[in-house]
PDB file of N, CA and C in Angstrom:
ATOM      1  N   MET A   1     104.259 -36.853 307.062  1.00  0.00           N
ATOM      2  CA  MET A   1     103.714 -36.530 305.755  1.00  0.00           C
ATOM      3  C   MET A   1     102.666 -35.409 305.853  1.00  0.00           C
ATOM      4  N   THR A   2     101.939 -35.383 306.949  1.00  0.00           N
ATOM      5  CA  THR A   2     100.940 -34.322 307.080  1.00  0.00           C
ATOM      6  C   THR A   2     101.601 -32.972 307.311  1.00  0.00           C
ATOM      7  N   THR A   3     102.842 -32.993 307.808  1.00  0.00           N
ATOM      8  CA  THR A   3     103.561 -31.738 308.003  1.00  0.00           C
ATOM      9  C   THR A   3     103.828 -31.059 306.666  1.00  0.00           C
ATOM     10  N   LEU A   4     104.139 -31.857 305.651  1.00  0.00           N
ATOM     11  CA  LEU A   4     104.368 -31.296 304.317  1.00  0.00           C
ATOM     12  C   LEU A   4     103.100 -30.655 303.760  1.00  0.00           C
ATOM     13  N   ALA A   5     101.957 -31.175 304.129  1.00  0.00           N
ATOM     14  CA  ALA A   5     100.699 -30.597 303.659  1.00  0.00           C
ATOM     15  C   ALA A   5     100.518 -29.176 304.181  1.00  0.00           C
ATOM     16  N   TYR A   6     101.144 -28.861 305.309  1.00  0.00           N
ATOM     17  CA  TYR A   6     101.081 -27.500 305.852  1.00  0.00           C
ATOM     18  C   TYR A   6     102.249 -26.643 305.372  1.00  0.00           C
ATOM     19  N   LEU A   7     103.426 -27.231 305.288  1.00  0.00           N
ATOM     20  CA  LEU A   7     104.618 -26.447 304.979  1.00  0.00           C
ATOM     21  C   LEU A   7     104.704 -26.023 303.517  1.00  0.00           C
ATOM     22  N   ILE A   8     104.255 -26.861 302.607  1.00  0.00           N
ATOM     23  CA  ILE A   8     104.338 -26.510 301.181  1.00  0.00           C
ATOM     24  C   ILE A   8     103.468 -25.301 300.852  1.00  0.00           C
ATOM     25  N   PRO A   9     102.203 -25.236 301.271  1.00  0.00           N
ATOM     26  CA  PRO A   9     101.422 -24.015 300.993  1.00  0.00           C
ATOM     27  C   PRO A   9     101.979 -22.778 301.684  1.00  0.00           C
ATOM     28  N   VAL A  10     102.509 -22.937 302.896  1.00  0.00           N
ATOM     29  CA  VAL A  10     103.099 -21.798 303.588  1.00  0.00           C
ATOM     30  C   VAL A  10     104.319 -21.291 302.820  1.00  0.00           C
ATOM     31  N   ALA A  11     105.156 -22.208 302.356  1.00  0.00           N
ATOM     32  CA  ALA A  11     106.337 -21.812 301.586  1.00  0.00           C
ATOM     33  C   ALA A  11     105.939 -21.141 300.272  1.00  0.00           C
ATOM     34  N   LEU A  12     104.927 -21.660 299.609  1.00  0.00           N
ATOM     35  CA  LEU A  12     104.460 -21.037 298.365  1.00  0.00           C
ATOM     36  C   LEU A  12     103.886 -19.649 298.627  1.00  0.00           C
ATOM     37  N   PHE A  13     103.158 -19.496 299.722  1.00  0.00           N
ATOM     38  CA  PHE A  13     102.594 -18.192 300.065  1.00  0.00           C
ATOM     39  C   PHE A  13     103.697 -17.188 300.365  1.00  0.00           C
ATOM     40  N   LEU A  14     104.695 -17.594 301.148  1.00  0.00           N
ATOM     41  CA  LEU A  14     105.791 -16.675 301.475  1.00  0.00           C
ATOM     42  C   LEU A  14     106.608 -16.315 300.238  1.00  0.00           C
ATOM     43  N   GLY A  15     106.803 -17.276 299.338  1.00  0.00           N
ATOM     44  CA  GLY A  15     107.502 -16.984 298.090  1.00  0.00           C
ATOM     45  C   GLY A  15     106.728 -16.006 297.223  1.00  0.00           C
ATOM     46  N   ALA A  16     105.419 -16.197 297.139  1.00  0.00           N
ATOM     47  CA  ALA A  16     104.577 -15.278 296.365  1.00  0.00           C
ATOM     48  C   ALA A  16     104.556 -13.897 297.008  1.00  0.00           C
ATOM     49  N   LEU A  17     104.565 -13.852 298.335  1.00  0.00           N
ATOM     50  CA  LEU A  17     104.599 -12.577 299.037  1.00  0.00           C
ATOM     51  C   LEU A  17     105.908 -11.831 298.757  1.00  0.00           C
ATOM     52  N   GLY A  18     107.021 -12.541 298.770  1.00  0.00           N
ATOM     53  CA  GLY A  18     108.307 -11.927 298.452  1.00  0.00           C
ATOM     54  C   GLY A  18     108.375 -11.453 297.014  1.00  0.00           C
ATOM     55  N   LEU A  19     107.862 -12.261 296.103  1.00  0.00           N
ATOM     56  CA  LEU A  19     107.841 -11.874 294.696  1.00  0.00           C
ATOM     57  C   LEU A  19     106.951 -10.655 294.490  1.00  0.00           C
ATOM     58  N   GLY A  20     105.824 -10.618 295.169  1.00  0.00           N
ATOM     59  CA  GLY A  20     104.935  -9.458 295.071  1.00  0.00           C
ATOM     60  C   GLY A  20     105.599  -8.198 295.604  1.00  0.00           C
ATOM     61  N   GLY A  21     106.334  -8.328 296.704  1.00  0.00           N
ATOM     62  CA  GLY A  21     107.052  -7.174 297.241  1.00  0.00           C
ATOM     63  C   GLY A  21     108.127  -6.683 296.300  1.00  0.00           C
ATOM     64  N   PHE A  22     108.834  -7.603 295.670  1.00  0.00           N
ATOM     65  CA  PHE A  22     109.870  -7.227 294.709  1.00  0.00           C
ATOM     66  C   PHE A  22     109.261  -6.541 293.494  1.00  0.00           C
ATOM     67  N   LEU A  23     108.171  -7.085 292.980  1.00  0.00           N
ATOM     68  CA  LEU A  23     107.525  -6.469 291.816  1.00  0.00           C
ATOM     69  C   LEU A  23     106.955  -5.098 292.176  1.00  0.00           C
ATOM     70  N   TRP A  24     106.430  -4.949 293.393  1.00  0.00           N
ATOM     71  CA  TRP A  24     105.950  -3.637 293.828  1.00  0.00           C
ATOM     72  C   TRP A  24     107.098  -2.624 293.874  1.00  0.00           C
ATOM     73  N   ALA A  25     108.261  -3.069 294.366  1.00  0.00           N
ATOM     74  CA  ALA A  25     109.417  -2.170 294.436  1.00  0.00           C
ATOM     75  C   ALA A  25     109.869  -1.772 293.033  1.00  0.00           C
ATOM     76  N   LEU A  26     109.830  -2.703 292.098  1.00  0.00           N
ATOM     77  CA  LEU A  26     110.179  -2.358 290.714  1.00  0.00           C
ATOM     78  C   LEU A  26     109.193  -1.352 290.139  1.00  0.00           C
ATOM     79  N   LYS A  27     107.908  -1.579 290.371  1.00  0.00           N
ATOM     80  CA  LYS A  27     106.869  -0.717 289.815  1.00  0.00           C
ATOM     81  C   LYS A  27     106.920   0.681 290.415  1.00  0.00           C
ATOM     82  N   SER A  28     107.265   0.793 291.693  1.00  0.00           N
ATOM     83  CA  SER A  28     107.259   2.094 292.342  1.00  0.00           C
ATOM     84  C   SER A  28     108.566   2.856 292.142  1.00  0.00           C
ATOM     85  N   GLY A  29     109.526   2.287 291.426  1.00  0.00           N
ATOM     86  CA  GLY A  29     110.741   3.017 291.078  1.00  0.00           C
ATOM     87  C   GLY A  29     111.841   2.969 292.123  1.00  0.00           C
ATOM     88  N   GLN A  30     111.849   1.970 292.974  1.00  0.00           N
ATOM     89  CA  GLN A  30     112.860   1.879 294.015  1.00  0.00           C
ATOM     90  C   GLN A  30     114.256   1.610 293.454  1.00  0.00           C
ATOM     91  N   TYR A  31     114.337   1.047 292.258  1.00  0.00           N
ATOM     92  CA  TYR A  31     115.623   0.682 291.676  1.00  0.00           C
ATOM     93  C   TYR A  31     116.025   1.582 290.511  1.00  0.00           C
ATOM     94  N   GLU A  32     115.462   2.771 290.424  1.00  0.00           N
ATOM     95  CA  GLU A  32     115.718   3.637 289.281  1.00  0.00           C
ATOM     96  C   GLU A  32     117.104   4.278 289.312  1.00  0.00           C
ATOM     97  N   ASP A  33     117.539   4.809 290.432  1.00  0.00           N
ATOM     98  CA  ASP A  33     118.772   5.590 290.484  1.00  0.00           C
ATOM     99  C   ASP A  33     119.732   4.988 291.512  1.00  0.00           C
ATOM    100  N   LEU A  34     120.264   3.825 291.217  1.00  0.00           N
ATOM    101  CA  LEU A  34     121.162   3.156 292.165  1.00  0.00           C
ATOM    102  C   LEU A  34     122.508   3.863 292.256  1.00  0.00           C
ATOM    103  N   ASP A  35     123.005   4.395 291.148  1.00  0.00           N
ATOM    104  CA  ASP A  35     124.299   5.087 291.181  1.00  0.00           C
ATOM    105  C   ASP A  35     124.207   6.400 291.948  1.00  0.00           C
ATOM    106  N   GLY A  36     123.108   7.103 291.802  1.00  0.00           N
ATOM    107  CA  GLY A  36     122.938   8.358 292.521  1.00  0.00           C
ATOM    108  C   GLY A  36     122.905   8.148 294.025  1.00  0.00           C
ATOM    109  N   ALA A  37     122.237   7.105 294.452  1.00  0.00           N
ATOM    110  CA  ALA A  37     122.181   6.817 295.887  1.00  0.00           C
ATOM    111  C   ALA A  37     123.547   6.413 296.422  1.00  0.00           C
ATOM    112  N   ALA A  38     124.310   5.705 295.626  1.00  0.00           N
ATOM    113  CA  ALA A  38     125.650   5.288 296.058  1.00  0.00           C
ATOM    114  C   ALA A  38     126.594   6.487 296.140  1.00  0.00           C
ATOM    115  N   GLU A  39     126.413   7.459 295.265  1.00  0.00           N
ATOM    116  CA  GLU A  39     127.287   8.631 295.284  1.00  0.00           C
ATOM    117  C   GLU A  39     126.858   9.656 296.330  1.00  0.00           C
ATOM    118  N   ARG A  40     125.565   9.735 296.626  1.00  0.00           N
ATOM    119  CA  ARG A  40     125.087  10.695 297.624  1.00  0.00           C
ATOM    120  C   ARG A  40     125.637  10.410 299.012  1.00  0.00           C
ATOM    121  N   ILE A  41     125.941   9.166 299.292  1.00  0.00           N
ATOM    122  CA  ILE A  41     126.457   8.831 300.614  1.00  0.00           C
ATOM    123  C   ILE A  41     127.872   9.366 300.801  1.00  0.00           C
ATOM    124  N   LEU A  42     128.583   9.628 299.714  1.00  0.00           N
ATOM    125  CA  LEU A  42     129.953  10.101 299.786  1.00  0.00           C
ATOM    126  C   LEU A  42     130.066  11.616 299.832  1.00  0.00           C
ATOM    127  N   ILE A  43     128.996  12.322 299.497  1.00  0.00           N
ATOM    128  CA  ILE A  43     129.022  13.781 299.444  1.00  0.00           C
ATOM    129  C   ILE A  43     128.911  14.337 300.864  1.00  0.00           C
ATOM    130  N   ASP A  44     129.831  15.206 301.217  1.00  0.00           N
ATOM    131  CA  ASP A  44     129.824  15.832 302.535  1.00  0.00           C
ATOM    132  C   ASP A  44     129.104  17.178 302.407  1.00  0.00           C
ATOM    133  N   ARG A  45     127.874  17.223 302.889  1.00  0.00           N
ATOM    134  CA  ARG A  45     127.077  18.443 302.784  1.00  0.00           C
ATOM    135  C   ARG A  45     127.370  19.338 303.981  1.00  0.00           C
ATOM    136  N   GLU A  46     127.360  20.630 303.747  1.00  0.00           N
ATOM    137  CA  GLU A  46     127.610  21.600 304.798  1.00  0.00           C
ATOM    138  C   GLU A  46     126.371  21.910 305.630  1.00  0.00           C
ATOM    139  N   ASP A  47     125.200  21.649 305.065  1.00  0.00           N
ATOM    140  CA  ASP A  47     123.957  22.007 305.752  1.00  0.00           C
ATOM    141  C   ASP A  47     123.386  20.844 306.549  1.00  0.00           C
ATOM    142  N   LYS A  48     124.225  20.134 307.275  1.00  0.00           N
ATOM    143  CA  LYS A  48     123.761  19.021 308.087  1.00  0.00           C
ATOM    144  C   LYS A  48     123.001  19.539 309.297  1.00  0.00           C
ATOM    145  N   ILE A  49     122.010  18.812 309.704  1.00  0.00           N
ATOM    146  CA  ILE A  49     121.217  19.186 310.870  1.00  0.00           C
ATOM    147  C   ILE A  49     122.020  18.863 312.124  1.00  0.00           C
ATOM    148  N   GLY A  50     122.015  19.773 313.086  1.00  0.00           N
ATOM    149  CA  GLY A  50     122.685  19.536 314.339  1.00  0.00           C
ATOM    150  C   GLY A  50     124.073  20.168 314.429  1.00  0.00           C
ATOM    151  N   ARG A  51     124.481  20.865 313.429  1.00  0.00           N
ATOM    152  CA  ARG A  51     125.792  21.534 313.468  1.00  0.00           C
ATOM    153  C   ARG A  51     125.624  22.989 313.687  1.00  0.00           C
TER     154      ARG A  51
END
């Protein structure tokens, strides 16, 4: 029973940390242009480094 006294606050803290990270990503615009990022991977650019 004392183990739950430690695990429940740890789980709540980790959940809040994950939620905070997700909200930060939303606020900073990480999810703004999902289609553009998906299409950019398919474009074959001629100016690649190392060629």
